[in-house]
Amino acid sequence: MSRPASRNHCPLCSAPTDPAHRPFCSRGCRDRDMLNWMGEGYRIPGPAASSDENVETGLDRHDSHG
């Protein structure tokens, strides 16, 4: 089992954190983390979405056709 991340180390590269970019060490790690979220690099496990729903927009199949 992995140990919890230290509050004094960057969760991406383990370098010491910088108060200006906390909990990250730099703007680069902070931006990389944001890009992982935006690019679906991080995912929450769960059941597959129904084919009748458009999960990204919240529209059902009737709303997405015009």
N, C-alpha and C. Protein backbone atom coordinates (compact mmCIF):
# COMPACT_ATOMS: atom_id res chain seq x y z
N MET A 1 0.84 -1.17 0.00
CA MET A 1 0.00 0.00 0.00
C MET A 1 0.89 1.24 0.00
N SER A 2 0.50 2.25 -0.77
CA SER A 2 1.32 3.45 -0.83
C SER A 2 1.08 4.34 0.38
N ARG A 3 2.07 5.12 0.69
CA ARG A 3 1.92 6.02 1.83
C ARG A 3 1.33 7.34 1.36
N PRO A 4 0.68 8.08 2.24
CA PRO A 4 0.08 9.36 1.85
C PRO A 4 1.13 10.36 1.42
N ALA A 5 0.75 11.23 0.50
CA ALA A 5 1.68 12.25 0.01
C ALA A 5 2.01 13.24 1.13
N SER A 6 3.25 13.63 1.19
CA SER A 6 3.67 14.62 2.17
C SER A 6 3.19 16.00 1.74
N ARG A 7 2.85 16.82 2.69
CA ARG A 7 2.42 18.18 2.37
C ARG A 7 3.61 19.04 1.95
N ASN A 8 4.81 18.56 2.16
CA ASN A 8 6.00 19.34 1.84
C ASN A 8 6.61 18.96 0.51
N HIS A 9 5.99 18.02 -0.21
CA HIS A 9 6.56 17.57 -1.48
C HIS A 9 5.51 17.60 -2.58
N CYS A 10 5.93 17.97 -3.76
CA CYS A 10 5.06 18.05 -4.93
C CYS A 10 4.48 16.67 -5.24
N PRO A 11 3.16 16.58 -5.48
CA PRO A 11 2.55 15.29 -5.77
C PRO A 11 2.95 14.72 -7.14
N LEU A 12 3.52 15.55 -8.01
CA LEU A 12 3.91 15.06 -9.33
C LEU A 12 5.37 14.64 -9.41
N CYS A 13 6.27 15.44 -8.83
CA CYS A 13 7.69 15.13 -8.99
C CYS A 13 8.44 14.93 -7.67
N SER A 14 7.76 15.12 -6.56
CA SER A 14 8.32 14.93 -5.21
C SER A 14 9.33 15.98 -4.79
N ALA A 15 9.48 17.05 -5.57
CA ALA A 15 10.37 18.14 -5.17
C ALA A 15 9.71 18.92 -4.02
N PRO A 16 10.49 19.66 -3.26
CA PRO A 16 9.90 20.47 -2.19
C PRO A 16 8.89 21.47 -2.77
N THR A 17 7.80 21.69 -2.04
CA THR A 17 6.76 22.60 -2.53
C THR A 17 7.21 24.05 -2.42
N ASP A 18 6.60 24.88 -3.26
CA ASP A 18 6.81 26.32 -3.25
C ASP A 18 5.50 26.95 -2.79
N PRO A 19 5.52 27.79 -1.77
CA PRO A 19 4.26 28.38 -1.28
C PRO A 19 3.45 29.07 -2.38
N ALA A 20 4.09 29.63 -3.37
CA ALA A 20 3.37 30.31 -4.44
C ALA A 20 2.60 29.35 -5.34
N HIS A 21 2.99 28.08 -5.34
CA HIS A 21 2.36 27.09 -6.24
C HIS A 21 1.82 25.89 -5.48
N ARG A 22 1.69 26.02 -4.18
CA ARG A 22 1.27 24.91 -3.34
C ARG A 22 -0.03 24.28 -3.83
N PRO A 23 -0.14 22.98 -3.89
CA PRO A 23 0.73 21.97 -3.30
C PRO A 23 1.85 21.52 -4.23
N PHE A 24 2.09 22.25 -5.31
CA PHE A 24 3.11 21.86 -6.28
C PHE A 24 4.41 22.62 -6.03
N CYS A 25 5.46 22.21 -6.74
CA CYS A 25 6.77 22.84 -6.56
C CYS A 25 6.97 24.02 -7.51
N SER A 26 6.22 24.04 -8.60
CA SER A 26 6.43 25.07 -9.61
C SER A 26 5.18 25.26 -10.45
N ARG A 27 5.20 26.30 -11.25
CA ARG A 27 4.09 26.53 -12.18
C ARG A 27 4.01 25.40 -13.20
N GLY A 28 5.15 24.87 -13.59
CA GLY A 28 5.16 23.77 -14.56
C GLY A 28 4.40 22.55 -14.06
N CYS A 29 4.65 22.14 -12.81
CA CYS A 29 3.92 20.99 -12.26
C CYS A 29 2.45 21.33 -12.05
N ARG A 30 2.18 22.55 -11.65
CA ARG A 30 0.78 22.97 -11.47
C ARG A 30 0.04 22.90 -12.81
N ASP A 31 0.66 23.41 -13.87
CA ASP A 31 0.04 23.39 -15.20
C ASP A 31 -0.08 21.96 -15.74
N ARG A 32 0.92 21.13 -15.49
CA ARG A 32 0.87 19.74 -15.94
C ARG A 32 -0.30 19.00 -15.28
N ASP A 33 -0.53 19.28 -14.00
CA ASP A 33 -1.65 18.67 -13.30
C ASP A 33 -2.98 19.12 -13.93
N MET A 34 -3.10 20.40 -14.24
CA MET A 34 -4.33 20.91 -14.87
C MET A 34 -4.53 20.26 -16.23
N LEU A 35 -3.47 20.11 -17.00
CA LEU A 35 -3.59 19.47 -18.31
C LEU A 35 -4.00 18.00 -18.18
N ASN A 36 -3.54 17.33 -17.14
CA ASN A 36 -3.98 15.94 -16.92
C ASN A 36 -5.48 15.88 -16.67
N TRP A 37 -6.01 16.84 -15.90
CA TRP A 37 -7.45 16.87 -15.66
C TRP A 37 -8.20 17.19 -16.95
N MET A 38 -7.73 18.17 -17.68
CA MET A 38 -8.42 18.60 -18.90
C MET A 38 -8.35 17.55 -20.00
N GLY A 39 -7.26 16.82 -20.07
CA GLY A 39 -7.08 15.80 -21.10
C GLY A 39 -7.55 14.42 -20.68
N GLU A 40 -8.26 14.35 -19.58
CA GLU A 40 -8.78 13.09 -19.05
C GLU A 40 -7.68 12.11 -18.66
N GLY A 41 -6.53 12.65 -18.26
CA GLY A 41 -5.46 11.80 -17.75
C GLY A 41 -5.80 11.23 -16.39
N TYR A 42 -6.66 11.94 -15.66
CA TYR A 42 -7.17 11.45 -14.38
C TYR A 42 -8.61 11.04 -14.60
N ARG A 43 -8.98 9.90 -14.08
CA ARG A 43 -10.35 9.42 -14.24
C ARG A 43 -10.84 8.83 -12.93
N ILE A 44 -12.12 8.99 -12.70
CA ILE A 44 -12.75 8.39 -11.53
C ILE A 44 -13.42 7.11 -12.00
N PRO A 45 -13.06 5.95 -11.41
CA PRO A 45 -13.64 4.69 -11.86
C PRO A 45 -15.15 4.65 -11.61
N GLY A 46 -15.84 4.01 -12.51
CA GLY A 46 -17.28 3.87 -12.36
C GLY A 46 -17.84 3.08 -13.52
N PRO A 47 -19.14 2.86 -13.51
CA PRO A 47 -19.76 2.11 -14.60
C PRO A 47 -19.72 2.90 -15.90
N ALA A 48 -19.74 2.18 -17.00
CA ALA A 48 -19.73 2.82 -18.32
C ALA A 48 -21.01 3.62 -18.50
N ALA A 49 -20.91 4.74 -19.21
CA ALA A 49 -22.08 5.58 -19.46
C ALA A 49 -23.03 4.88 -20.42
N SER A 50 -24.29 5.15 -20.26
CA SER A 50 -25.31 4.61 -21.14
C SER A 50 -25.13 5.19 -22.54
N SER A 51 -25.38 4.39 -23.57
CA SER A 51 -25.26 4.89 -24.94
C SER A 51 -26.37 5.87 -25.28
N ASP A 52 -27.40 5.95 -24.45
CA ASP A 52 -28.51 6.88 -24.68
C ASP A 52 -28.25 8.27 -24.12
N GLU A 53 -27.13 8.46 -23.46
CA GLU A 53 -26.84 9.74 -22.85
C GLU A 53 -25.56 10.34 -23.41
N ASN A 54 -25.53 11.65 -23.49
CA ASN A 54 -24.32 12.36 -23.86
C ASN A 54 -23.75 12.91 -22.56
N VAL A 55 -22.82 12.18 -21.97
CA VAL A 55 -22.31 12.50 -20.65
C VAL A 55 -21.57 13.84 -20.64
N GLU A 56 -20.82 14.15 -21.68
CA GLU A 56 -20.02 15.36 -21.67
C GLU A 56 -20.86 16.63 -21.62
N THR A 57 -21.98 16.67 -22.31
CA THR A 57 -22.80 17.88 -22.34
C THR A 57 -24.00 17.80 -21.43
N GLY A 58 -24.32 16.62 -20.95
CA GLY A 58 -25.49 16.45 -20.11
C GLY A 58 -26.79 16.37 -20.89
N LEU A 59 -26.69 16.25 -22.22
CA LEU A 59 -27.88 16.15 -23.06
C LEU A 59 -28.24 14.70 -23.29
N ASP A 60 -29.53 14.42 -23.37
CA ASP A 60 -29.90 13.06 -23.74
C ASP A 60 -29.96 12.96 -25.26
N ARG A 61 -30.22 11.81 -25.79
CA ARG A 61 -30.14 11.60 -27.24
C ARG A 61 -31.13 12.46 -28.01
N HIS A 62 -32.27 12.82 -27.44
CA HIS A 62 -33.25 13.65 -28.13
C HIS A 62 -32.78 15.09 -28.26
N ASP A 63 -32.11 15.61 -27.24
CA ASP A 63 -31.65 16.99 -27.26
C ASP A 63 -30.45 17.20 -28.17
N SER A 64 -29.66 16.18 -28.40
CA SER A 64 -28.43 16.34 -29.18
C SER A 64 -28.66 16.37 -30.68
N HIS A 65 -29.88 16.14 -31.15
CA HIS A 65 -30.16 16.13 -32.58
C HIS A 65 -30.78 17.43 -33.07
N GLY A 66 -30.64 18.48 -32.38
CA GLY A 66 -31.11 19.74 -32.92
C GLY A 66 -31.96 20.47 -32.02
